[in-house]
Protein backbone atom coordinates (compact mmCIF):
# COMPACT_ATOMS: atom_id res chain seq x y z
CA UNK A 1 -49.83 -43.19 29.23
CA UNK A 2 -53.11 -44.47 27.90
CA UNK A 3 -56.16 -42.57 26.74
CA UNK A 4 -59.52 -43.60 28.16
CA UNK A 5 -63.16 -42.61 27.77
CA UNK A 6 -65.40 -43.48 30.73
CA UNK A 7 -68.46 -45.52 29.77
CA UNK A 8 -71.77 -43.74 30.30
CA UNK A 9 -73.99 -45.19 32.98
CA UNK A 10 -77.73 -44.46 33.23
CA UNK A 11 -78.77 -43.66 36.81
CA UNK A 12 -82.42 -44.31 37.70
CA UNK A 13 -82.25 -44.96 41.46
CA UNK A 14 -84.46 -42.77 43.70
CA UNK A 15 -86.62 -41.77 40.72
CA UNK A 16 -83.57 -40.16 39.11
CA UNK A 17 -82.89 -40.03 35.40
CA UNK A 18 -79.42 -38.91 34.36
CA UNK A 19 -76.22 -40.13 32.76
CA UNK A 20 -73.02 -40.43 34.80
CA UNK A 21 -69.44 -41.06 33.73
CA UNK A 22 -67.65 -43.11 36.42
CA UNK A 23 -64.16 -41.64 36.73
CA UNK A 24 -62.44 -43.81 39.33
CA UNK A 25 -63.22 -46.66 41.69
CA UNK A 26 -60.58 -46.72 44.42
CA UNK A 27 -60.25 -48.55 47.73
CA UNK A 28 -57.21 -46.72 49.05
CA UNK A 29 -56.91 -43.04 49.96
CA UNK A 30 -56.97 -40.75 46.96
CA UNK A 31 -56.69 -37.07 46.14
CA UNK A 32 -59.06 -35.28 43.77
CA UNK A 33 -57.97 -31.96 42.27
CA UNK A 34 -59.69 -29.41 40.07
CA UNK A 35 -57.15 -27.49 38.00
CA UNK A 36 -57.68 -24.49 35.73
CA UNK A 37 -55.06 -23.74 33.10
CA UNK A 38 -55.15 -20.60 30.98
CA UNK A 39 -54.04 -20.87 27.35
CA UNK A 40 -50.30 -21.59 27.18
CA UNK A 41 -49.94 -22.53 30.85
CA UNK A 42 -48.91 -26.03 31.82
CA UNK A 43 -48.46 -28.70 34.42
CA UNK A 44 -44.74 -29.20 33.85
CA UNK A 45 -42.78 -32.28 32.88
CA UNK A 46 -42.64 -34.51 35.97
CA UNK A 47 -42.79 -38.08 37.18
CA UNK A 48 -46.08 -39.33 38.67
CA UNK A 49 -45.70 -40.13 42.38
CA UNK A 50 -48.83 -42.36 42.22
CA UNK A 51 -51.20 -43.47 39.45
CA UNK A 52 -53.10 -40.50 38.04
CA UNK A 53 -56.16 -39.89 35.89
CA UNK A 54 -56.69 -36.53 34.21
CA UNK A 55 -60.05 -35.69 32.62
CA UNK A 56 -60.56 -32.57 30.53
CA UNK A 57 -63.86 -31.00 31.66
CA UNK A 58 -63.67 -28.02 29.29
CA UNK A 59 -61.20 -26.49 26.88
CA UNK A 60 -58.38 -28.26 25.09
CA UNK A 61 -55.03 -29.60 26.32
CA UNK A 62 -52.06 -31.43 24.89
CA UNK A 63 -50.73 -34.23 27.12
CA UNK A 64 -47.49 -36.06 26.48
CA UNK A 65 -45.55 -38.90 27.97
CA UNK A 66 -42.20 -40.35 27.00
CA UNK A 67 -43.65 -42.46 24.15
CA UNK A 68 -46.83 -40.71 22.97
CA UNK A 69 -49.02 -37.62 23.12
CA UNK A 70 -52.70 -36.77 22.77
CA UNK A 71 -54.89 -33.71 22.40
CA UNK A 72 -57.78 -33.93 24.85
CA UNK A 73 -61.16 -32.23 24.52
CA UNK A 74 -64.02 -32.04 27.04
CA UNK A 75 -64.98 -35.49 28.29
CA UNK A 76 -61.70 -37.19 27.34
CA UNK A 77 -59.01 -38.38 29.70
CA UNK A 78 -55.66 -40.09 30.15
CA UNK A 79 -54.13 -42.28 32.82
CA UNK A 80 -50.54 -42.40 33.98
CA UNK A 81 -48.97 -45.09 36.11
CA UNK A 82 -46.69 -44.44 39.07
CA UNK A 83 -43.28 -43.07 38.02
CA UNK A 84 -44.42 -42.30 34.46
CA UNK A 85 -43.10 -38.99 33.09
CA UNK A 86 -45.69 -36.58 31.66
CA UNK A 87 -46.72 -32.98 30.96
CA UNK A 88 -49.98 -31.14 30.21
CA UNK A 89 -50.18 -27.90 28.20
CA UNK A 90 -53.37 -25.83 27.68
CA UNK A 91 -54.10 -25.11 24.00
CA UNK A 92 -57.23 -23.22 25.14
CA UNK A 93 -58.30 -22.32 28.67
CA UNK A 94 -59.08 -25.65 30.32
CA UNK A 95 -60.71 -27.04 33.44
CA UNK A 96 -59.23 -30.39 34.48
CA UNK A 97 -60.21 -33.04 36.99
CA UNK A 98 -57.22 -34.94 38.38
CA UNK A 99 -57.54 -38.08 40.50
CA UNK A 100 -54.42 -39.47 42.21
CA UNK A 101 -54.47 -42.91 43.88
CA UNK A 102 -52.22 -45.90 44.41
CA UNK A 103 -54.37 -47.90 41.95
CA UNK A 104 -57.60 -47.78 39.94
CA UNK A 105 -60.08 -50.55 39.20
């Protein structure tokens, strides 16, 4: 498991002006999930079937793998590779974005 912070990108096309955080660039099919965990609930200890990225949109979660663990706050994320064991536990109510794909660029 590795922690990552997407780099901000200024968008000005079409007379726009906003900041975006690119989450994933994939060429193969992927699944995007929005998960809400109430305090104390969890995504249980399991092995990733494909590479996964989890981004905490709000709240606070503890994520752990076999070798390390992190507390994530809004805007922070982690990435797991295929077959990596992991678990996510909500320390506060949390809204999570999960992207599953065979690989990420």
